């Protein structure tokens, strides 16, 4: 086993692609809001996302023993240290621009998701409710992006549309990612949509959500609430719906690399490909 294939290295590298993808989504959000590029802010977002996901994977969860068996035996302390260092770096960069809540927001939402909401002597548990995991993930990253964007735009409608767009898109991506994790989630008592509705019904629900969401985005474009980034939006819609129409969790077990990487392509690489296409067309 090479040094980069050890469980600890897999743990440290397991959040890299999703973090980079999140930074690119923030750049697209800046484009939609008509804001100037801010690379340090994008880097800070990447660090915060990396920190959040690495922390989650460093904390031993029941479902991870099945869903992420390749991380078994990893040095969890290394993951905790990496999470702490990247969080402090990301929060410091955002703090220079007066953004203080956005770095903490994922951890605040995560706390209530894990602990539940206490009302008097009663605690409302969120973890076992149908689809709540996916909703929480959407709120977390849609809210984080919206909080960062709000530092440079005074239009609450624009911020709200961007929150809706990324909250919904991340919700959809989270559901797609859960197709392969049904067994572990059910054993942990986490009732994701694929676990409760099955693949076919979940696929139909997600396509309806996407069609409704992009209808709202077209309306927002026509009202000039957001900038006309139709290339990115069209590519994002077409590639995601096409993926949902053909994807099955059985792809994960096929020997062909193309089938096994299809989900990762749509979830993690769609932003960079959309931006590349935009650059080629716009120049």
C-alpha atoms as a PDB file:
ATOM      1  CA  UNK A   1       0.000   0.000   0.000  1.00  0.00           C
ATOM      2  CA  UNK A   2       1.410   3.390  -0.998  1.00  0.00           C
ATOM      3  CA  UNK A   3       1.526   6.190   1.618  1.00  0.00           C
ATOM      4  CA  UNK A   4      -1.278   8.010  -0.221  1.00  0.00           C
ATOM      5  CA  UNK A   5      -3.540   4.930  -0.118  1.00  0.00           C
ATOM      6  CA  UNK A   6      -3.531   4.474   3.657  1.00  0.00           C
ATOM      7  CA  UNK A   7      -6.854   4.903   5.505  1.00  0.00           C
ATOM      8  CA  UNK A   8      -5.555   8.095   7.143  1.00  0.00           C
ATOM      9  CA  UNK A   9      -4.625   9.655   3.800  1.00  0.00           C
ATOM     10  CA  UNK A  10      -7.989   8.605   2.390  1.00  0.00           C
ATOM     11  CA  UNK A  11      -9.651  10.351   5.332  1.00  0.00           C
ATOM     12  CA  UNK A  12      -7.633  13.537   4.808  1.00  0.00           C
ATOM     13  CA  UNK A  13      -8.287  13.513   1.068  1.00  0.00           C
ATOM     14  CA  UNK A  14     -11.934  12.395   1.154  1.00  0.00           C
ATOM     15  CA  UNK A  15     -13.294  15.958   1.322  1.00  0.00           C
ATOM     16  CA  UNK A  16     -10.928  17.631  -1.146  1.00  0.00           C
ATOM     17  CA  UNK A  17     -13.032  17.343  -4.304  1.00  0.00           C
ATOM     18  CA  UNK A  18     -16.298  18.368  -2.631  1.00  0.00           C
ATOM     19  CA  UNK A  19     -14.524  21.361  -1.048  1.00  0.00           C
ATOM     20  CA  UNK A  20     -13.076  22.531  -4.376  1.00  0.00           C
ATOM     21  CA  UNK A  21     -16.484  22.088  -5.982  1.00  0.00           C
ATOM     22  CA  UNK A  22     -18.030  24.225  -3.234  1.00  0.00           C
ATOM     23  CA  UNK A  23     -15.528  27.011  -3.855  1.00  0.00           C
ATOM     24  CA  UNK A  24     -16.460  27.019  -7.553  1.00  0.00           C
ATOM     25  CA  UNK A  25     -20.157  27.138  -6.662  1.00  0.00           C
ATOM     26  CA  UNK A  26     -19.436  30.259  -4.629  1.00  0.00           C
ATOM     27  CA  UNK A  27     -17.768  31.778  -7.704  1.00  0.00           C
ATOM     28  CA  UNK A  28     -20.887  30.998  -9.752  1.00  0.00           C
ATOM     29  CA  UNK A  29     -22.992  32.626  -7.018  1.00  0.00           C
ATOM     30  CA  UNK A  30     -20.829  35.753  -7.355  1.00  0.00           C
ATOM     31  CA  UNK A  31     -21.442  35.693 -11.117  1.00  0.00           C
ATOM     32  CA  UNK A  32     -25.199  35.344 -10.603  1.00  0.00           C
ATOM     33  CA  UNK A  33     -25.147  38.290  -8.196  1.00  0.00           C
ATOM     34  CA  UNK A  34     -23.042  40.365 -10.622  1.00  0.00           C
ATOM     35  CA  UNK A  35     -20.171  40.680  -8.145  1.00  0.00           C
ATOM     36  CA  UNK A  36     -16.449  40.941  -8.825  1.00  0.00           C
ATOM     37  CA  UNK A  37     -14.290  37.847  -8.398  1.00  0.00           C
ATOM     38  CA  UNK A  38     -12.794  37.401  -4.907  1.00  0.00           C
ATOM     39  CA  UNK A  39     -10.339  34.512  -4.959  1.00  0.00           C
ATOM     40  CA  UNK A  40      -9.338  34.731  -1.249  1.00  0.00           C
ATOM     41  CA  UNK A  41     -13.022  34.397  -0.309  1.00  0.00           C
ATOM     42  CA  UNK A  42     -13.372  31.356  -2.575  1.00  0.00           C
ATOM     43  CA  UNK A  43     -10.309  29.812  -0.924  1.00  0.00           C
ATOM     44  CA  UNK A  44     -11.801  30.493   2.505  1.00  0.00           C
ATOM     45  CA  UNK A  45     -15.026  28.770   1.442  1.00  0.00           C
ATOM     46  CA  UNK A  46     -13.033  25.747   0.249  1.00  0.00           C
ATOM     47  CA  UNK A  47     -11.281  25.559   3.614  1.00  0.00           C
ATOM     48  CA  UNK A  48     -14.549  25.805   5.579  1.00  0.00           C
ATOM     49  CA  UNK A  49     -16.209  23.090   3.495  1.00  0.00           C
ATOM     50  CA  UNK A  50     -13.143  20.866   3.802  1.00  0.00           C
ATOM     51  CA  UNK A  51     -13.101  21.431   7.564  1.00  0.00           C
ATOM     52  CA  UNK A  52     -16.796  20.610   7.992  1.00  0.00           C
ATOM     53  CA  UNK A  53     -16.755  17.387   5.966  1.00  0.00           C
ATOM     54  CA  UNK A  54     -13.425  16.212   7.376  1.00  0.00           C
ATOM     55  CA  UNK A  55     -14.747  16.754  10.899  1.00  0.00           C
ATOM     56  CA  UNK A  56     -17.850  14.723  10.056  1.00  0.00           C
ATOM     57  CA  UNK A  57     -15.744  11.874   8.679  1.00  0.00           C
ATOM     58  CA  UNK A  58     -13.256  12.005  11.537  1.00  0.00           C
ATOM     59  CA  UNK A  59     -16.053  11.488  14.063  1.00  0.00           C
ATOM     60  CA  UNK A  60     -16.912   7.796  14.037  1.00  0.00           C
ATOM     61  CA  UNK A  61     -20.539   7.421  12.921  1.00  0.00           C
ATOM     62  CA  UNK A  62     -22.507   4.184  12.798  1.00  0.00           C
ATOM     63  CA  UNK A  63     -23.422   4.597   9.125  1.00  0.00           C
ATOM     64  CA  UNK A  64     -19.795   5.282   8.135  1.00  0.00           C
ATOM     65  CA  UNK A  65     -18.748   1.756   9.106  1.00  0.00           C
ATOM     66  CA  UNK A  66     -20.809   0.604   6.107  1.00  0.00           C
ATOM     67  CA  UNK A  67     -20.944   3.591   3.760  1.00  0.00           C
ATOM     68  CA  UNK A  68     -17.267   4.538   4.078  1.00  0.00           C
ATOM     69  CA  UNK A  69     -15.572   1.293   5.043  1.00  0.00           C
ATOM     70  CA  UNK A  70     -12.393   2.424   3.266  1.00  0.00           C
ATOM     71  CA  UNK A  71     -11.826   4.902   6.128  1.00  0.00           C
ATOM     72  CA  UNK A  72     -11.821   2.211   8.810  1.00  0.00           C
ATOM     73  CA  UNK A  73      -8.524   2.216  10.668  1.00  0.00           C
ATOM     74  CA  UNK A  74      -7.749   5.851   9.863  1.00  0.00           C
ATOM     75  CA  UNK A  75      -6.146   8.094  12.460  1.00  0.00           C
ATOM     76  CA  UNK A  76      -9.177  10.153  13.485  1.00  0.00           C
ATOM     77  CA  UNK A  77      -7.017  12.625  15.424  1.00  0.00           C
ATOM     78  CA  UNK A  78      -5.254  13.569  12.189  1.00  0.00           C
ATOM     79  CA  UNK A  79      -8.655  14.363  10.701  1.00  0.00           C
ATOM     80  CA  UNK A  80      -9.644  16.455  13.722  1.00  0.00           C
ATOM     81  CA  UNK A  81      -6.397  18.434  13.562  1.00  0.00           C
ATOM     82  CA  UNK A  82      -6.782  19.015   9.795  1.00  0.00           C
ATOM     83  CA  UNK A  83     -10.371  20.140  10.366  1.00  0.00           C
ATOM     84  CA  UNK A  84      -9.382  22.592  13.112  1.00  0.00           C
ATOM     85  CA  UNK A  85      -6.475  24.090  11.143  1.00  0.00           C
ATOM     86  CA  UNK A  86      -8.463  24.570   7.932  1.00  0.00           C
ATOM     87  CA  UNK A  87     -11.421  26.048   9.834  1.00  0.00           C
ATOM     88  CA  UNK A  88      -9.213  28.623  11.570  1.00  0.00           C
ATOM     89  CA  UNK A  89      -7.568  29.570   8.260  1.00  0.00           C
ATOM     90  CA  UNK A  90     -10.896  29.893   6.450  1.00  0.00           C
ATOM     91  CA  UNK A  91     -12.541  31.830   9.279  1.00  0.00           C
ATOM     92  CA  UNK A  92      -9.553  34.202   9.471  1.00  0.00           C
ATOM     93  CA  UNK A  93      -9.738  34.996   5.746  1.00  0.00           C
ATOM     94  CA  UNK A  94     -13.481  35.627   5.887  1.00  0.00           C
ATOM     95  CA  UNK A  95     -13.035  37.662   9.064  1.00  0.00           C
ATOM     96  CA  UNK A  96     -10.829  40.105   7.157  1.00  0.00           C
ATOM     97  CA  UNK A  97     -13.912  41.002   5.092  1.00  0.00           C
ATOM     98  CA  UNK A  98     -16.131  41.269   8.145  1.00  0.00           C
ATOM     99  CA  UNK A  99     -17.792  37.866   7.586  1.00  0.00           C
ATOM    100  CA  UNK A 100     -18.094  36.139  10.934  1.00  0.00           C
ATOM    101  CA  UNK A 101     -21.304  34.080  10.892  1.00  0.00           C
ATOM    102  CA  UNK A 102     -20.752  32.187   7.608  1.00  0.00           C
ATOM    103  CA  UNK A 103     -17.829  30.042   8.897  1.00  0.00           C
ATOM    104  CA  UNK A 104     -19.807  29.079  12.012  1.00  0.00           C
ATOM    105  CA  UNK A 105     -23.116  28.482  10.248  1.00  0.00           C
ATOM    106  CA  UNK A 106     -22.361  24.865   9.104  1.00  0.00           C
ATOM    107  CA  UNK A 107     -21.374  23.899  12.651  1.00  0.00           C
ATOM    108  CA  UNK A 108     -24.428  25.610  14.199  1.00  0.00           C
ATOM    109  CA  UNK A 109     -26.811  23.833  11.826  1.00  0.00           C
ATOM    110  CA  UNK A 110     -24.915  20.572  12.310  1.00  0.00           C
ATOM    111  CA  UNK A 111     -25.276  20.888  16.092  1.00  0.00           C
ATOM    112  CA  UNK A 112     -29.058  21.228  15.921  1.00  0.00           C
ATOM    113  CA  UNK A 113     -29.220  18.370  13.424  1.00  0.00           C
ATOM    114  CA  UNK A 114     -27.283  16.080  15.738  1.00  0.00           C
ATOM    115  CA  UNK A 115     -28.719  17.225  19.078  1.00  0.00           C
ATOM    116  CA  UNK A 116     -32.242  18.152  17.991  1.00  0.00           C
ATOM    117  CA  UNK A 117     -34.236  21.259  18.916  1.00  0.00           C
ATOM    118  CA  UNK A 118     -35.147  21.610  22.577  1.00  0.00           C
ATOM    119  CA  UNK A 119     -38.492  23.252  23.401  1.00  0.00           C
ATOM    120  CA  UNK A 120     -39.068  23.330  27.136  1.00  0.00           C
ATOM    121  CA  UNK A 121     -38.697  19.796  28.438  1.00  0.00           C
ATOM    122  CA  UNK A 122     -39.120  18.272  24.977  1.00  0.00           C
ATOM    123  CA  UNK A 123     -36.470  17.669  22.325  1.00  0.00           C
ATOM    124  CA  UNK A 124     -37.460  17.410  18.677  1.00  0.00           C
ATOM    125  CA  UNK A 125     -35.118  14.951  16.985  1.00  0.00           C
ATOM    126  CA  UNK A 126     -34.327  15.809  13.381  1.00  0.00           C
ATOM    127  CA  UNK A 127     -32.066  12.956  12.419  1.00  0.00           C
ATOM    128  CA  UNK A 128     -34.687  10.262  11.932  1.00  0.00           C
ATOM    129  CA  UNK A 129     -37.220  12.332   9.973  1.00  0.00           C
ATOM    130  CA  UNK A 130     -37.747  11.610   6.282  1.00  0.00           C
ATOM    131  CA  UNK A 131     -35.450  13.692   4.095  1.00  0.00           C
ATOM    132  CA  UNK A 132     -34.342  15.978   6.940  1.00  0.00           C
ATOM    133  CA  UNK A 133     -30.672  15.049   6.473  1.00  0.00           C
ATOM    134  CA  UNK A 134     -30.906  16.221   2.857  1.00  0.00           C
ATOM    135  CA  UNK A 135     -32.799  19.396   3.794  1.00  0.00           C
ATOM    136  CA  UNK A 136     -30.210  20.236   6.466  1.00  0.00           C
ATOM    137  CA  UNK A 137     -27.343  19.794   3.994  1.00  0.00           C
ATOM    138  CA  UNK A 138     -29.130  22.096   1.534  1.00  0.00           C
ATOM    139  CA  UNK A 139     -29.825  24.763   4.168  1.00  0.00           C
ATOM    140  CA  UNK A 140     -26.257  24.542   5.440  1.00  0.00           C
ATOM    141  CA  UNK A 141     -24.462  25.244   2.174  1.00  0.00           C
ATOM    142  CA  UNK A 142     -27.174  27.352   0.554  1.00  0.00           C
ATOM    143  CA  UNK A 143     -27.183  29.485   3.717  1.00  0.00           C
ATOM    144  CA  UNK A 144     -23.395  29.702   3.890  1.00  0.00           C
ATOM    145  CA  UNK A 145     -23.157  30.913   0.287  1.00  0.00           C
ATOM    146  CA  UNK A 146     -26.015  33.390   0.835  1.00  0.00           C
ATOM    147  CA  UNK A 147     -24.359  34.777   3.984  1.00  0.00           C
ATOM    148  CA  UNK A 148     -21.098  35.374   2.114  1.00  0.00           C
ATOM    149  CA  UNK A 149     -22.859  36.959  -0.878  1.00  0.00           C
ATOM    150  CA  UNK A 150     -24.873  39.266   1.396  1.00  0.00           C
ATOM    151  CA  UNK A 151     -21.655  41.022   2.429  1.00  0.00           C
ATOM    152  CA  UNK A 152     -21.402  42.633  -1.034  1.00  0.00           C
ATOM    153  CA  UNK A 153     -24.992  43.019  -2.234  1.00  0.00           C
ATOM    154  CA  UNK A 154     -27.825  44.983  -0.665  1.00  0.00           C
ATOM    155  CA  UNK A 155     -30.543  43.145  -2.620  1.00  0.00           C
ATOM    156  CA  UNK A 156     -32.230  40.717  -0.256  1.00  0.00           C
ATOM    157  CA  UNK A 157     -34.188  39.293  -3.196  1.00  0.00           C
ATOM    158  CA  UNK A 158     -30.946  38.401  -4.995  1.00  0.00           C
ATOM    159  CA  UNK A 159     -29.555  36.815  -1.837  1.00  0.00           C
ATOM    160  CA  UNK A 160     -32.826  34.914  -1.367  1.00  0.00           C
ATOM    161  CA  UNK A 161     -32.801  33.586  -4.949  1.00  0.00           C
ATOM    162  CA  UNK A 162     -29.187  32.433  -4.590  1.00  0.00           C
ATOM    163  CA  UNK A 163     -30.042  30.747  -1.277  1.00  0.00           C
ATOM    164  CA  UNK A 164     -33.003  28.997  -2.919  1.00  0.00           C
ATOM    165  CA  UNK A 165     -30.896  27.924  -5.895  1.00  0.00           C
ATOM    166  CA  UNK A 166     -27.996  26.467  -3.956  1.00  0.00           C
ATOM    167  CA  UNK A 167     -30.114  25.144  -1.117  1.00  0.00           C
ATOM    168  CA  UNK A 168     -32.187  23.196  -3.644  1.00  0.00           C
ATOM    169  CA  UNK A 169     -29.234  22.108  -5.783  1.00  0.00           C
ATOM    170  CA  UNK A 170     -27.281  20.823  -2.785  1.00  0.00           C
ATOM    171  CA  UNK A 171     -30.443  19.093  -1.533  1.00  0.00           C
ATOM    172  CA  UNK A 172     -30.735  17.285  -4.878  1.00  0.00           C
ATOM    173  CA  UNK A 173     -27.028  16.389  -4.908  1.00  0.00           C
ATOM    174  CA  UNK A 174     -27.291  15.097  -1.357  1.00  0.00           C
ATOM    175  CA  UNK A 175     -30.211  12.842  -2.309  1.00  0.00           C
ATOM    176  CA  UNK A 176     -28.315  11.529  -5.344  1.00  0.00           C
ATOM    177  CA  UNK A 177     -25.288  10.805  -3.181  1.00  0.00           C
ATOM    178  CA  UNK A 178     -27.526   8.879  -0.779  1.00  0.00           C
ATOM    179  CA  UNK A 179     -28.495   6.343  -3.459  1.00  0.00           C
ATOM    180  CA  UNK A 180     -25.299   4.442  -2.673  1.00  0.00           C
ATOM    181  CA  UNK A 181     -25.640   4.824   1.120  1.00  0.00           C
ATOM    182  CA  UNK A 182     -29.130   3.440   1.700  1.00  0.00           C
ATOM    183  CA  UNK A 183     -28.011   0.389   3.716  1.00  0.00           C
ATOM    184  CA  UNK A 184     -25.797   2.316   6.136  1.00  0.00           C
ATOM    185  CA  UNK A 185     -28.306   5.162   6.578  1.00  0.00           C
ATOM    186  CA  UNK A 186     -31.148   2.751   7.374  1.00  0.00           C
ATOM    187  CA  UNK A 187     -29.030   0.931   9.955  1.00  0.00           C
ATOM    188  CA  UNK A 188     -28.196   4.275  11.576  1.00  0.00           C
ATOM    189  CA  UNK A 189     -31.853   5.334  11.609  1.00  0.00           C
ATOM    190  CA  UNK A 190     -31.324   8.128   9.076  1.00  0.00           C
ATOM    191  CA  UNK A 191     -34.332   8.141   6.748  1.00  0.00           C
ATOM    192  CA  UNK A 192     -33.093   9.683   3.514  1.00  0.00           C
ATOM    193  CA  UNK A 193     -35.438   9.981   0.527  1.00  0.00           C
ATOM    194  CA  UNK A 194     -33.877   7.054  -1.404  1.00  0.00           C
ATOM    195  CA  UNK A 195     -34.149   4.895   1.714  1.00  0.00           C
ATOM    196  CA  UNK A 196     -37.839   5.706   2.210  1.00  0.00           C
ATOM    197  CA  UNK A 197     -39.220   6.303  -1.284  1.00  0.00           C
ATOM    198  CA  UNK A 198     -36.993   4.036  -3.323  1.00  0.00           C
ATOM    199  CA  UNK A 199     -34.874   5.047  -6.302  1.00  0.00           C
ATOM    200  CA  UNK A 200     -37.574   5.524  -8.922  1.00  0.00           C
ATOM    201  CA  UNK A 201     -39.877   7.727  -6.861  1.00  0.00           C
ATOM    202  CA  UNK A 202     -36.947   9.725  -5.473  1.00  0.00           C
ATOM    203  CA  UNK A 203     -35.688  10.262  -9.020  1.00  0.00           C
ATOM    204  CA  UNK A 204     -39.090  11.616 -10.080  1.00  0.00           C
ATOM    205  CA  UNK A 205     -39.333  13.930  -7.057  1.00  0.00           C
ATOM    206  CA  UNK A 206     -35.853  15.338  -7.704  1.00  0.00           C
ATOM    207  CA  UNK A 207     -36.592  16.019 -11.383  1.00  0.00           C
ATOM    208  CA  UNK A 208     -39.777  17.895 -10.424  1.00  0.00           C
ATOM    209  CA  UNK A 209     -37.828  19.950  -7.879  1.00  0.00           C
ATOM    210  CA  UNK A 210     -35.227  20.831 -10.517  1.00  0.00           C
ATOM    211  CA  UNK A 211     -37.816  21.844 -13.101  1.00  0.00           C
ATOM    212  CA  UNK A 212     -39.578  24.063 -10.564  1.00  0.00           C
ATOM    213  CA  UNK A 213     -36.286  25.562  -9.373  1.00  0.00           C
ATOM    214  CA  UNK A 214     -35.057  26.432 -12.848  1.00  0.00           C
ATOM    215  CA  UNK A 215     -38.465  27.896 -13.655  1.00  0.00           C
ATOM    216  CA  UNK A 216     -37.915  30.277 -10.747  1.00  0.00           C
ATOM    217  CA  UNK A 217     -34.403  31.048 -12.003  1.00  0.00           C
ATOM    218  CA  UNK A 218     -35.731  31.925 -15.482  1.00  0.00           C
ATOM    219  CA  UNK A 219     -38.280  34.237 -13.853  1.00  0.00           C
ATOM    220  CA  UNK A 220     -35.500  35.864 -11.796  1.00  0.00           C
ATOM    221  CA  UNK A 221     -33.415  36.314 -14.963  1.00  0.00           C
ATOM    222  CA  UNK A 222     -36.282  38.042 -16.732  1.00  0.00           C
ATOM    223  CA  UNK A 223     -36.732  40.421 -13.801  1.00  0.00           C
ATOM    224  CA  UNK A 224     -32.950  41.088 -13.686  1.00  0.00           C
ATOM    225  CA  UNK A 225     -32.809  39.877 -10.079  1.00  0.00           C
ATOM    226  CA  UNK A 226     -29.801  37.802 -11.032  1.00  0.00           C
ATOM    227  CA  UNK A 227     -27.308  38.159 -13.849  1.00  0.00           C
ATOM    228  CA  UNK A 228     -27.924  36.291 -17.115  1.00  0.00           C
ATOM    229  CA  UNK A 229     -25.592  33.317 -16.676  1.00  0.00           C
ATOM    230  CA  UNK A 230     -27.754  31.108 -18.886  1.00  0.00           C
ATOM    231  CA  UNK A 231     -24.861  28.926 -20.095  1.00  0.00           C
ATOM    232  CA  UNK A 232     -24.020  27.735 -16.585  1.00  0.00           C
ATOM    233  CA  UNK A 233     -27.677  27.334 -15.594  1.00  0.00           C
ATOM    234  CA  UNK A 234     -28.631  25.452 -18.765  1.00  0.00           C
ATOM    235  CA  UNK A 235     -25.658  23.097 -18.529  1.00  0.00           C
ATOM    236  CA  UNK A 236     -26.364  22.459 -14.857  1.00  0.00           C
ATOM    237  CA  UNK A 237     -30.025  21.621 -15.531  1.00  0.00           C
ATOM    238  CA  UNK A 238     -29.453  19.418 -18.585  1.00  0.00           C
ATOM    239  CA  UNK A 239     -26.581  17.376 -17.158  1.00  0.00           C
ATOM    240  CA  UNK A 240     -28.355  16.773 -13.833  1.00  0.00           C
ATOM    241  CA  UNK A 241     -31.697  15.713 -15.308  1.00  0.00           C
ATOM    242  CA  UNK A 242     -29.966  13.515 -17.913  1.00  0.00           C
ATOM    243  CA  UNK A 243     -27.992  11.895 -15.095  1.00  0.00           C
ATOM    244  CA  UNK A 244     -31.091  11.288 -12.967  1.00  0.00           C
ATOM    245  CA  UNK A 245     -32.913   9.662 -15.865  1.00  0.00           C
ATOM    246  CA  UNK A 246     -30.228   7.005 -16.406  1.00  0.00           C
ATOM    247  CA  UNK A 247     -28.508   6.642 -13.019  1.00  0.00           C
ATOM    248  CA  UNK A 248     -29.010   3.661 -10.728  1.00  0.00           C
ATOM    249  CA  UNK A 249     -27.202   2.683  -7.539  1.00  0.00           C
ATOM    250  CA  UNK A 250     -26.196  -0.502  -9.379  1.00  0.00           C
ATOM    251  CA  UNK A 251     -23.745   1.655 -11.349  1.00  0.00           C
ATOM    252  CA  UNK A 252     -21.580   1.793  -8.230  1.00  0.00           C
ATOM    253  CA  UNK A 253     -20.847  -1.946  -8.507  1.00  0.00           C
ATOM    254  CA  UNK A 254     -20.107  -2.064 -12.228  1.00  0.00           C
ATOM    255  CA  UNK A 255     -16.510  -2.708 -13.321  1.00  0.00           C
ATOM    256  CA  UNK A 256     -16.550   0.180 -15.832  1.00  0.00           C
ATOM    257  CA  UNK A 257     -14.938   3.315 -14.381  1.00  0.00           C
ATOM    258  CA  UNK A 258     -17.303   5.529 -16.413  1.00  0.00           C
ATOM    259  CA  UNK A 259     -20.377   4.146 -14.670  1.00  0.00           C
ATOM    260  CA  UNK A 260     -18.807   4.247 -11.218  1.00  0.00           C
ATOM    261  CA  UNK A 261     -17.627   7.849 -11.637  1.00  0.00           C
ATOM    262  CA  UNK A 262     -20.871   9.169 -13.133  1.00  0.00           C
ATOM    263  CA  UNK A 263     -22.323  10.235  -9.789  1.00  0.00           C
ATOM    264  CA  UNK A 264     -19.096  11.944  -8.715  1.00  0.00           C
ATOM    265  CA  UNK A 265     -18.955  13.723 -12.086  1.00  0.00           C
ATOM    266  CA  UNK A 266     -22.399  15.283 -11.710  1.00  0.00           C
ATOM    267  CA  UNK A 267     -22.108  16.134  -8.028  1.00  0.00           C
ATOM    268  CA  UNK A 268     -18.537  17.409  -7.854  1.00  0.00           C
ATOM    269  CA  UNK A 269     -17.309  18.263 -11.364  1.00  0.00           C
ATOM    270  CA  UNK A 270     -20.397  19.923 -12.836  1.00  0.00           C
ATOM    271  CA  UNK A 271     -19.406  23.459 -11.637  1.00  0.00           C
ATOM    272  CA  UNK A 272     -15.920  23.414 -13.178  1.00  0.00           C
ATOM    273  CA  UNK A 273     -17.199  22.011 -16.482  1.00  0.00           C
ATOM    274  CA  UNK A 274     -19.990  24.590 -16.578  1.00  0.00           C
ATOM    275  CA  UNK A 275     -17.503  27.384 -15.933  1.00  0.00           C
ATOM    276  CA  UNK A 276     -15.163  25.991 -18.602  1.00  0.00           C
ATOM    277  CA  UNK A 277     -17.955  25.931 -21.180  1.00  0.00           C
ATOM    278  CA  UNK A 278     -18.890  29.497 -20.216  1.00  0.00           C
ATOM    279  CA  UNK A 279     -15.268  30.633 -20.639  1.00  0.00           C
ATOM    280  CA  UNK A 280     -15.093  29.037 -24.112  1.00  0.00           C
ATOM    281  CA  UNK A 281     -18.377  30.608 -25.255  1.00  0.00           C
ATOM    282  CA  UNK A 282     -18.035  34.038 -23.656  1.00  0.00           C
ATOM    283  CA  UNK A 283     -14.278  34.260 -24.212  1.00  0.00           C
END
